[in-house]
Protein backbone atom coordinates (compact mmCIF):
# COMPACT_ATOMS: atom_id res chain seq x y z
CA GLU A 1 -0.88 14.11 2.15
CA VAL A 2 -0.40 10.42 2.96
CA ALA A 3 1.05 8.26 0.17
CA TYR A 4 1.25 4.97 2.07
CA PHE A 5 1.88 3.26 5.37
CA TYR A 6 4.29 0.39 5.81
CA SER A 7 5.43 -1.83 8.62
CA LYS A 8 9.02 -2.96 9.10
CA SER A 9 10.62 -4.60 12.11
CA GLY A 10 7.45 -4.06 14.14
CA LEU A 11 7.36 -0.31 13.48
CA THR A 12 4.72 1.50 11.43
CA HIS A 13 5.83 4.27 9.09
CA LEU A 14 3.71 6.92 7.42
CA VAL A 15 5.15 8.19 4.12
CA CYS A 16 3.86 11.46 2.69
CA THR A 17 3.65 12.45 -0.96
CA ASN A 18 6.42 15.00 -0.35
CA THR A 19 8.72 12.10 0.80
CA ASP A 20 8.53 12.97 4.51
CA SER A 21 8.37 9.85 6.66
CA PHE A 22 7.16 9.48 10.23
CA LEU A 23 7.02 6.67 12.78
CA ILE A 24 3.52 6.29 14.16
CA ASN A 25 2.10 4.29 17.06
CA ASP A 26 -0.85 2.72 15.22
CA THR A 27 -0.74 -0.76 13.69
CA LEU A 28 -1.63 -1.42 10.07
CA ASP A 29 -4.64 -3.44 11.27
CA TYR A 30 -5.91 -0.41 13.22
CA LEU A 31 -5.27 1.95 10.31
CA GLU A 32 -6.98 -0.37 7.84
CA ALA A 33 -10.15 -0.25 9.96
CA LYS A 34 -10.06 3.57 10.21
CA LEU A 35 -9.04 4.65 6.70
CA ASN A 36 -11.41 5.27 3.80
CA PRO A 37 -11.43 2.01 1.78
CA LYS A 38 -12.14 3.96 -1.41
CA GLU A 39 -8.77 5.71 -1.08
CA PHE A 40 -6.59 3.18 0.77
CA TYR A 41 -5.94 -0.51 0.08
CA ARG A 42 -4.26 -3.10 2.30
CA ALA A 43 -1.82 -4.47 -0.26
CA ASN A 44 -0.23 -7.05 2.04
CA ARG A 45 0.99 -7.48 5.62
CA GLN A 46 3.50 -4.65 5.15
CA TYR A 47 1.65 -1.99 3.11
CA ILE A 48 -1.49 0.13 3.05
CA ILE A 49 -1.37 2.26 -0.08
CA HIS A 50 -3.26 5.34 -1.25
CA ILE A 51 -4.72 5.08 -4.74
CA GLN A 52 -2.82 8.18 -5.90
CA SER A 53 0.54 6.78 -4.72
CA ILE A 54 0.45 4.01 -7.35
CA LYS A 55 2.96 4.75 -10.10
CA VAL A 56 3.12 1.46 -12.04
CA ILE A 57 1.63 -2.02 -11.65
CA GLU A 58 3.55 -4.89 -13.21
CA PRO A 59 2.65 -8.55 -13.54
CA TYR A 60 4.81 -10.61 -11.22
CA PHE A 61 5.31 -14.34 -11.18
CA LYS A 62 2.45 -16.77 -10.46
CA GLY A 63 -0.34 -14.21 -10.81
CA LYS A 64 1.08 -11.71 -8.33
CA LEU A 65 1.33 -7.97 -8.98
CA PHE A 66 4.34 -5.76 -8.27
CA VAL A 67 3.31 -2.21 -7.33
CA HIS A 68 5.70 0.72 -7.74
CA LEU A 69 4.78 3.61 -5.46
CA GLN A 70 5.41 7.35 -5.35
CA PRO A 71 7.49 8.24 -3.45
CA GLU A 72 9.59 5.18 -4.17
CA GLN A 73 9.35 2.51 -1.49
CA THR A 74 12.30 0.81 0.21
CA ASP A 75 10.78 -2.70 0.22
CA ASP A 76 8.85 -4.50 -2.49
CA CYS A 77 5.09 -3.99 -2.51
CA VAL A 78 3.67 -7.20 -3.94
CA ILE A 79 -0.02 -8.07 -4.21
CA SER A 80 -0.57 -11.81 -3.78
CA GLN A 81 -2.37 -13.88 -6.38
CA ALA A 82 -5.23 -14.31 -3.90
CA LYS A 83 -5.64 -10.51 -3.50
CA ALA A 84 -4.88 -9.51 -7.12
CA GLY A 85 -8.51 -9.80 -8.26
CA GLY A 86 -9.81 -7.67 -5.39
CA PHE A 87 -7.05 -5.13 -5.99
CA LYS A 88 -8.00 -4.82 -9.67
CA GLU A 89 -11.66 -4.38 -8.72
CA TRP A 90 -10.67 -1.66 -6.23
CA LEU A 91 -8.71 0.13 -8.97
CA ASN A 92 -11.62 -0.11 -11.41
CA GLU A 93 -13.96 1.58 -8.91
CA LYS A 94 -11.94 4.77 -9.28
């Protein structure tokens, strides 16, 4: 099962809940348009996260949110202040 997708150095990675990771050819923009928005959220330019991959959400500076994922991510997953409200609404729909 997919935990999250992330982009780094122009490459898109799919990370599974069992910690397997795969390079895929699709862009995050393409995936965002195809994935179920009730299950997946475009956190920022680097991450699309599955609702069940969220381990902890911490307040970050200036109204941002720091999201810890399962499996643990290599780069920070930060929700901007501008997206924090929409992210909280998305979480509350679950």
